[in-house]
C-alpha atoms as a PDB file:
ATOM      1  CA  MET A   1       0.000   0.000   0.000  1.00  0.00           C
ATOM      2  CA  SER A   2       2.774   2.456   0.830  1.00  0.00           C
ATOM      3  CA  GLY A   3       4.318   1.784  -2.597  1.00  0.00           C
ATOM      4  CA  GLN A   4       1.210   3.153  -4.290  1.00  0.00           C
ATOM      5  CA  ARG A   5       1.240   6.205  -2.046  1.00  0.00           C
ATOM      6  CA  GLY A   6       4.897   6.821  -2.912  1.00  0.00           C
ATOM      7  CA  ASP A   7       4.083   6.506  -6.622  1.00  0.00           C
ATOM      8  CA  TRP A   8       1.361   9.166  -6.300  1.00  0.00           C
ATOM      9  CA  THR A   9       3.661  11.432  -4.341  1.00  0.00           C
ATOM     10  CA  SER A  10       6.445  11.033  -6.907  1.00  0.00           C
ATOM     11  CA  ALA A  11       3.961  11.864  -9.662  1.00  0.00           C
ATOM     12  CA  LEU A  12       2.925  15.026  -7.810  1.00  0.00           C
ATOM     13  CA  TRP A  13       6.552  16.143  -7.455  1.00  0.00           C
ATOM     14  CA  GLN A  14       7.017  15.592 -11.202  1.00  0.00           C
ATOM     15  CA  LEU A  15       3.803  17.448 -12.046  1.00  0.00           C
ATOM     16  CA  LEU A  16       4.821  20.428  -9.946  1.00  0.00           C
ATOM     17  CA  PHE A  17       8.230  20.360 -11.608  1.00  0.00           C
ATOM     18  CA  ARG A  18       6.600  20.541 -15.054  1.00  0.00           C
ATOM     19  CA  VAL A  19       4.290  23.337 -13.944  1.00  0.00           C
ATOM     20  CA  LEU A  20       7.116  25.361 -12.402  1.00  0.00           C
ATOM     21  CA  SER A  21       9.752  24.602 -15.062  1.00  0.00           C
ATOM     22  CA  PRO A  22       8.227  25.381 -18.438  1.00  0.00           C
ATOM     23  CA  LEU A  23      10.490  23.281 -20.617  1.00  0.00           C
ATOM     24  CA  PRO A  24       9.923  22.012 -24.112  1.00  0.00           C
ATOM     25  CA  ALA A  25       9.419  18.271 -24.484  1.00  0.00           C
ATOM     26  CA  GLY A  26      12.670  16.387 -24.782  1.00  0.00           C
ATOM     27  CA  ASN A  27      14.608  18.947 -22.748  1.00  0.00           C
ATOM     28  CA  ALA A  28      17.436  17.408 -20.719  1.00  0.00           C
ATOM     29  CA  LEU A  29      16.158  19.015 -17.494  1.00  0.00           C
ATOM     30  CA  ALA A  30      12.925  17.032 -17.768  1.00  0.00           C
ATOM     31  CA  SER A  31      14.862  13.819 -17.110  1.00  0.00           C
ATOM     32  CA  LEU A  32      16.468  15.003 -13.856  1.00  0.00           C
ATOM     33  CA  ALA A  33      16.388  12.695 -10.854  1.00  0.00           C
ATOM     34  CA  LEU A  34      13.354  13.041  -8.607  1.00  0.00           C
ATOM     35  CA  GLU A  35      15.496  14.436  -5.770  1.00  0.00           C
ATOM     36  CA  VAL A  36      16.765  17.230  -8.015  1.00  0.00           C
ATOM     37  CA  GLN A  37      13.246  17.963  -9.280  1.00  0.00           C
ATOM     38  CA  ALA A  38      11.994  18.132  -5.678  1.00  0.00           C
ATOM     39  CA  ARG A  39      14.745  20.601  -4.713  1.00  0.00           C
ATOM     40  CA  LEU A  40      13.917  22.768  -7.718  1.00  0.00           C
ATOM     41  CA  VAL A  41      10.188  22.656  -6.889  1.00  0.00           C
ATOM     42  CA  LYS A  42      10.869  23.711  -3.295  1.00  0.00           C
ATOM     43  CA  SER A  43      13.122  26.534  -4.448  1.00  0.00           C
ATOM     44  CA  ALA A  44      10.682  27.776  -7.096  1.00  0.00           C
ATOM     45  CA  LEU A  45       7.711  27.743  -4.713  1.00  0.00           C
ATOM     46  CA  CYS A  46       9.718  29.551  -2.052  1.00  0.00           C
ATOM     47  CA  SER A  47      10.800  32.229  -4.539  1.00  0.00           C
ATOM     48  CA  GLN A  48       7.165  32.711  -5.597  1.00  0.00           C
ATOM     49  CA  GLY A  49       6.099  33.260  -1.996  1.00  0.00           C
ATOM     50  CA  TYR A  50       4.524  29.909  -1.151  1.00  0.00           C
ATOM     51  CA  PRO A  51       3.519  30.460   2.496  1.00  0.00           C
ATOM     52  CA  ARG A  52       3.802  26.950   3.997  1.00  0.00           C
ATOM     53  CA  LEU A  53       7.079  25.906   5.592  1.00  0.00           C
ATOM     54  CA  ALA A  54       5.932  22.259   5.735  1.00  0.00           C
ATOM     55  CA  LEU A  55       6.820  21.889   2.057  1.00  0.00           C
ATOM     56  CA  ALA A  56      10.475  22.733   2.694  1.00  0.00           C
ATOM     57  CA  GLN A  57      10.619  19.996   5.330  1.00  0.00           C
ATOM     58  CA  LEU A  58       9.414  17.202   3.020  1.00  0.00           C
ATOM     59  CA  PRO A  59      11.923  14.505   2.067  1.00  0.00           C
ATOM     60  CA  GLU A  60      13.111  14.855  -1.506  1.00  0.00           C
ATOM     61  CA  ASP A  61      12.964  11.138  -2.308  1.00  0.00           C
ATOM     62  CA  GLY A  62       9.283  11.357  -3.343  1.00  0.00           C
ATOM     63  CA  SER A  63       8.084   9.123  -0.520  1.00  0.00           C
ATOM     64  CA  GLN A  64       5.965  11.572   1.483  1.00  0.00           C
ATOM     65  CA  GLY A  65       3.999  14.763   1.235  1.00  0.00           C
ATOM     66  CA  SER A  66       1.137  14.170  -1.182  1.00  0.00           C
ATOM     67  CA  ARG A  67      -1.196  16.368   0.897  1.00  0.00           C
ATOM     68  CA  GLU A  68       1.312  19.216   1.000  1.00  0.00           C
ATOM     69  CA  LEU A  69       2.029  18.864  -2.714  1.00  0.00           C
ATOM     70  CA  LEU A  70      -1.695  19.020  -3.523  1.00  0.00           C
ATOM     71  CA  LEU A  71      -1.925  22.197  -1.447  1.00  0.00           C
ATOM     72  CA  ALA A  72       1.004  23.680  -3.360  1.00  0.00           C
ATOM     73  CA  LEU A  73      -0.566  22.767  -6.707  1.00  0.00           C
ATOM     74  CA  SER A  74      -3.880  24.298  -5.607  1.00  0.00           C
ATOM     75  CA  TRP A  75      -2.052  27.444  -4.522  1.00  0.00           C
ATOM     76  CA  LEU A  76      -0.392  27.713  -7.938  1.00  0.00           C
ATOM     77  CA  LEU A  77      -3.699  27.192  -9.750  1.00  0.00           C
ATOM     78  CA  ALA A  78      -5.389  29.860  -7.636  1.00  0.00           C
ATOM     79  CA  ARG A  79      -2.620  32.379  -8.346  1.00  0.00           C
ATOM     80  CA  GLY A  80      -2.597  32.383 -12.097  1.00  0.00           C
ATOM     81  CA  PRO A  81      -3.378  30.879 -15.459  1.00  0.00           C
ATOM     82  CA  VAL A  82      -1.300  27.700 -15.087  1.00  0.00           C
ATOM     83  CA  PRO A  83      -3.354  25.586 -17.537  1.00  0.00           C
ATOM     84  CA  GLU A  84      -3.155  28.311 -20.176  1.00  0.00           C
ATOM     85  CA  GLN A  85       0.618  28.615 -19.714  1.00  0.00           C
ATOM     86  CA  MET A  86       1.075  24.862 -20.089  1.00  0.00           C
ATOM     87  CA  LEU A  87      -1.072  24.796 -23.235  1.00  0.00           C
ATOM     88  CA  ALA A  88       0.901  27.703 -24.688  1.00  0.00           C
ATOM     89  CA  GLN A  89       4.140  25.776 -24.110  1.00  0.00           C
ATOM     90  CA  ALA A  90       2.806  22.708 -25.894  1.00  0.00           C
ATOM     91  CA  ARG A  91       1.468  24.394 -29.021  1.00  0.00           C
ATOM     92  CA  VAL A  92       3.304  25.012 -32.266  1.00  0.00           C
ATOM     93  CA  PRO A  93       4.139  28.733 -32.464  1.00  0.00           C
ATOM     94  CA  LEU A  94       2.452  30.698 -35.234  1.00  0.00           C
ATOM     95  CA  GLY A  95       4.603  31.124 -38.276  1.00  0.00           C
ATOM     96  CA  ASP A  96       6.224  27.725 -37.978  1.00  0.00           C
ATOM     97  CA  GLU A  97       5.948  25.721 -41.137  1.00  0.00           C
ATOM     98  CA  MET A  98       5.594  22.003 -41.301  1.00  0.00           C
ATOM     99  CA  THR A  99       7.071  20.050 -44.190  1.00  0.00           C
ATOM    100  CA  VAL A 100       4.463  18.628 -46.514  1.00  0.00           C
ATOM    101  CA  CYS A 101       5.235  15.443 -48.377  1.00  0.00           C
ATOM    102  CA  GLN A 102       5.110  16.008 -52.097  1.00  0.00           C
ATOM    103  CA  CYS A 103       4.389  12.441 -53.108  1.00  0.00           C
ATOM    104  CA  GLU A 104       3.768  13.268 -56.783  1.00  0.00           C
ATOM    105  CA  ALA A 105       7.245  14.752 -57.141  1.00  0.00           C
ATOM    106  CA  LEU A 106       8.790  11.730 -55.452  1.00  0.00           C
ATOM    107  CA  ALA A 107       6.799   9.278 -57.587  1.00  0.00           C
ATOM    108  CA  SER A 108       7.720  10.806 -60.933  1.00  0.00           C
ATOM    109  CA  PRO A 109      10.535   9.042 -62.795  1.00  0.00           C
ATOM    110  CA  GLY A 110      13.920  10.703 -62.968  1.00  0.00           C
END
């Protein structure tokens, strides 16, 4: 049972990391160890004025703190347009062009 709880807590640390570290997919920082992600989450929340000291006292191994992490996520959602920021990061910027396959040109002899 505690393994499942740890999995949820680890997932919450990773979610907060993604919310607080707007990185493009495939970025090397996205594959950081959970302990490093947890330290960065704590630092980012502290710098943004997160008011609860209990977060700073959580172990960084992802084993505890799901309640505190949910409170932190709720606090972030209440402060600003987090979903909109995440969607903006994931979209293709205007003006980008995608290559279109020109099958007829490839199929013609010569």
